[in-house]
Every structure is written in C-alpha cells, then in structure tokens.
Amino acid sequence: MERFKAWYHRTFDDWAFRSFIGPAQTNGAVQGCDEGAREQWKRDLENRKRITREQRERKRAERAARR
C-alpha cells in the first residue's frame, strides 16, 4: 500500500499542480509566488528535465544497439 501511495503522489500531485496553475508563464514565475509553489515549480522543472534526459539516453542506446 505504501508503494502505491508513493507512486500515486509522485504521479498525480505534479499533474494536479500543473493543471491548476494554468499555462506556463515566465514573468515572475518563480519570484512572484509563495515558497510552496516555488518549490513545486522547481520539482516539476527537474522532473521534466529528468524525463528528457532519460528519453535521450534511451534513444542513444537504441541507436547504438542497431549498429
């Protein structure tokens, strides 16, 4: 049950946060909000970067395997 709870929060907390805040804005996106929102924004940004890195690594490995 703990693993499910952890997965649920990792998956849907960020999704809910992104859905409720609306479209991305760059003016005052980090500086003009409270501490909790700022920390969530940073976590979301890092998650997006991590996913992009993983996708790039997976594509590189697929290309290397085909050679």
N, C-alpha and C. Protein backbone atom coordinates (compact mmCIF):
# COMPACT_ATOMS: atom_id res chain seq x y z
N MET A 1 0.83 -1.20 0.00
CA MET A 1 0.00 0.00 0.00
C MET A 1 0.87 1.27 0.00
N GLU A 2 1.98 1.22 0.72
CA GLU A 2 2.88 2.38 0.77
C GLU A 2 3.46 2.68 -0.60
N ARG A 3 3.83 1.62 -1.34
CA ARG A 3 4.39 1.82 -2.68
C ARG A 3 3.36 2.47 -3.59
N PHE A 4 2.12 2.02 -3.48
CA PHE A 4 1.06 2.61 -4.30
C PHE A 4 0.86 4.07 -3.94
N LYS A 5 0.83 4.36 -2.64
CA LYS A 5 0.65 5.75 -2.21
C LYS A 5 1.78 6.64 -2.72
N ALA A 6 3.01 6.14 -2.62
CA ALA A 6 4.15 6.93 -3.09
C ALA A 6 4.05 7.16 -4.60
N TRP A 7 3.72 6.11 -5.35
CA TRP A 7 3.56 6.25 -6.80
C TRP A 7 2.45 7.24 -7.13
N TYR A 8 1.33 7.12 -6.44
CA TYR A 8 0.18 7.99 -6.69
C TYR A 8 0.56 9.45 -6.49
N HIS A 9 1.23 9.75 -5.40
CA HIS A 9 1.60 11.13 -5.13
C HIS A 9 2.67 11.64 -6.10
N ARG A 10 3.65 10.79 -6.43
CA ARG A 10 4.65 11.20 -7.41
C ARG A 10 4.00 11.50 -8.76
N THR A 11 3.02 10.72 -9.13
CA THR A 11 2.40 10.85 -10.45
C THR A 11 1.38 11.97 -10.50
N PHE A 12 0.45 11.99 -9.56
CA PHE A 12 -0.69 12.87 -9.69
C PHE A 12 -0.56 14.20 -8.97
N ASP A 13 0.30 14.32 -7.98
CA ASP A 13 0.47 15.61 -7.33
C ASP A 13 1.03 16.63 -8.31
N ASP A 14 2.05 16.24 -9.06
CA ASP A 14 2.62 17.15 -10.05
C ASP A 14 1.61 17.44 -11.15
N TRP A 15 0.87 16.43 -11.58
CA TRP A 15 -0.14 16.62 -12.62
C TRP A 15 -1.19 17.62 -12.15
N ALA A 16 -1.67 17.44 -10.91
CA ALA A 16 -2.68 18.34 -10.38
C ALA A 16 -2.12 19.76 -10.29
N PHE A 17 -0.90 19.88 -9.82
CA PHE A 17 -0.28 21.21 -9.70
C PHE A 17 -0.23 21.89 -11.06
N ARG A 18 0.25 21.17 -12.09
CA ARG A 18 0.36 21.77 -13.42
C ARG A 18 -1.01 22.11 -13.99
N SER A 19 -2.01 21.29 -13.70
CA SER A 19 -3.35 21.52 -14.25
C SER A 19 -4.00 22.75 -13.63
N PHE A 20 -3.80 22.93 -12.33
CA PHE A 20 -4.48 24.02 -11.64
C PHE A 20 -3.82 25.37 -11.85
N ILE A 21 -2.52 25.39 -12.13
CA ILE A 21 -1.86 26.68 -12.25
C ILE A 21 -2.06 27.32 -13.62
N GLY A 22 -2.53 26.54 -14.59
CA GLY A 22 -2.79 27.10 -15.91
C GLY A 22 -1.55 27.08 -16.78
N PRO A 23 -1.58 27.85 -17.86
CA PRO A 23 -0.46 27.83 -18.80
C PRO A 23 0.82 28.39 -18.18
N ALA A 24 1.93 27.95 -18.74
CA ALA A 24 3.23 28.40 -18.22
C ALA A 24 3.43 29.89 -18.46
N GLN A 25 3.97 30.57 -17.48
CA GLN A 25 4.30 31.98 -17.61
C GLN A 25 5.73 32.17 -17.12
N THR A 26 6.45 33.06 -17.76
CA THR A 26 7.83 33.27 -17.34
C THR A 26 8.00 34.51 -16.48
N ASN A 27 7.13 35.48 -16.60
CA ASN A 27 7.25 36.70 -15.79
C ASN A 27 6.90 36.40 -14.34
N GLY A 28 7.87 36.48 -13.47
CA GLY A 28 7.63 36.26 -12.04
C GLY A 28 7.20 34.84 -11.72
N ALA A 29 7.53 33.88 -12.58
CA ALA A 29 7.08 32.51 -12.37
C ALA A 29 7.62 31.94 -11.06
N VAL A 30 8.85 32.27 -10.73
CA VAL A 30 9.43 31.73 -9.51
C VAL A 30 9.44 32.78 -8.41
N GLN A 31 9.78 34.01 -8.74
CA GLN A 31 9.94 35.02 -7.71
C GLN A 31 8.60 35.53 -7.15
N GLY A 32 7.55 35.51 -7.97
CA GLY A 32 6.30 36.15 -7.55
C GLY A 32 5.31 35.24 -6.88
N CYS A 33 5.74 34.12 -6.32
CA CYS A 33 4.79 33.21 -5.69
C CYS A 33 5.28 32.81 -4.30
N ASP A 34 4.44 32.09 -3.58
CA ASP A 34 4.84 31.69 -2.23
C ASP A 34 5.85 30.53 -2.27
N GLU A 35 6.41 30.22 -1.14
CA GLU A 35 7.50 29.23 -1.05
C GLU A 35 7.08 27.85 -1.53
N GLY A 36 5.90 27.40 -1.15
CA GLY A 36 5.43 26.07 -1.56
C GLY A 36 5.29 25.94 -3.06
N ALA A 37 4.71 26.95 -3.69
CA ALA A 37 4.55 26.93 -5.14
C ALA A 37 5.90 27.00 -5.83
N ARG A 38 6.82 27.76 -5.28
CA ARG A 38 8.15 27.87 -5.86
C ARG A 38 8.87 26.52 -5.82
N GLU A 39 8.77 25.83 -4.68
CA GLU A 39 9.41 24.52 -4.55
C GLU A 39 8.78 23.51 -5.49
N GLN A 40 7.46 23.54 -5.63
CA GLN A 40 6.78 22.62 -6.55
C GLN A 40 7.19 22.92 -7.99
N TRP A 41 7.33 24.19 -8.32
CA TRP A 41 7.75 24.58 -9.67
C TRP A 41 9.14 24.02 -9.96
N LYS A 42 10.04 24.11 -8.97
CA LYS A 42 11.40 23.59 -9.15
C LYS A 42 11.38 22.07 -9.31
N ARG A 43 10.57 21.37 -8.51
CA ARG A 43 10.47 19.91 -8.64
C ARG A 43 9.92 19.53 -10.00
N ASP A 44 8.90 20.25 -10.44
CA ASP A 44 8.30 19.96 -11.75
C ASP A 44 9.32 20.17 -12.87
N LEU A 45 10.06 21.25 -12.80
CA LEU A 45 11.08 21.53 -13.81
C LEU A 45 12.15 20.44 -13.83
N GLU A 46 12.59 20.02 -12.65
CA GLU A 46 13.60 18.96 -12.58
C GLU A 46 13.04 17.64 -13.11
N ASN A 47 11.78 17.34 -12.81
CA ASN A 47 11.17 16.11 -13.34
C ASN A 47 11.12 16.14 -14.86
N ARG A 48 10.75 17.27 -15.42
CA ARG A 48 10.70 17.38 -16.87
C ARG A 48 12.09 17.20 -17.49
N LYS A 49 13.11 17.79 -16.87
CA LYS A 49 14.48 17.65 -17.37
C LYS A 49 14.94 16.19 -17.26
N ARG A 50 14.59 15.53 -16.14
CA ARG A 50 14.96 14.13 -15.95
C ARG A 50 14.33 13.25 -17.01
N ILE A 51 13.06 13.46 -17.29
CA ILE A 51 12.37 12.67 -18.31
C ILE A 51 13.01 12.88 -19.67
N THR A 52 13.35 14.12 -19.99
CA THR A 52 14.00 14.41 -21.27
C THR A 52 15.35 13.71 -21.35
N ARG A 53 16.14 13.76 -20.26
CA ARG A 53 17.44 13.06 -20.24
C ARG A 53 17.25 11.57 -20.45
N GLU A 54 16.27 10.97 -19.77
CA GLU A 54 16.02 9.54 -19.90
C GLU A 54 15.63 9.18 -21.34
N GLN A 55 14.81 10.02 -21.96
CA GLN A 55 14.40 9.76 -23.35
C GLN A 55 15.61 9.83 -24.28
N ARG A 56 16.46 10.83 -24.08
CA ARG A 56 17.67 10.95 -24.91
C ARG A 56 18.57 9.74 -24.74
N GLU A 57 18.77 9.31 -23.49
CA GLU A 57 19.63 8.15 -23.24
C GLU A 57 19.05 6.90 -23.87
N ARG A 58 17.74 6.72 -23.79
CA ARG A 58 17.08 5.56 -24.38
C ARG A 58 17.27 5.55 -25.89
N LYS A 59 17.11 6.71 -26.52
CA LYS A 59 17.28 6.80 -27.98
C LYS A 59 18.72 6.51 -28.38
N ARG A 60 19.69 7.03 -27.59
CA ARG A 60 21.10 6.75 -27.88
C ARG A 60 21.39 5.26 -27.78
N ALA A 61 20.84 4.62 -26.75
CA ALA A 61 21.07 3.18 -26.57
C ALA A 61 20.45 2.39 -27.72
N GLU A 62 19.28 2.80 -28.18
CA GLU A 62 18.65 2.11 -29.32
C GLU A 62 19.49 2.27 -30.58
N ARG A 63 20.01 3.47 -30.80
CA ARG A 63 20.87 3.69 -31.98
C ARG A 63 22.15 2.86 -31.89
N ALA A 64 22.73 2.81 -30.70
CA ALA A 64 23.96 2.04 -30.51
C ALA A 64 23.71 0.54 -30.70
N ALA A 65 22.54 0.08 -30.28
CA ALA A 65 22.22 -1.35 -30.42
C ALA A 65 22.02 -1.74 -31.88
N ARG A 66 21.56 -0.80 -32.69
CA ARG A 66 21.34 -1.09 -34.12
C ARG A 66 22.64 -1.15 -34.90
N ARG A 67 23.69 -0.57 -34.40
CA ARG A 67 24.98 -0.53 -35.13
C ARG A 67 25.66 -1.86 -35.14
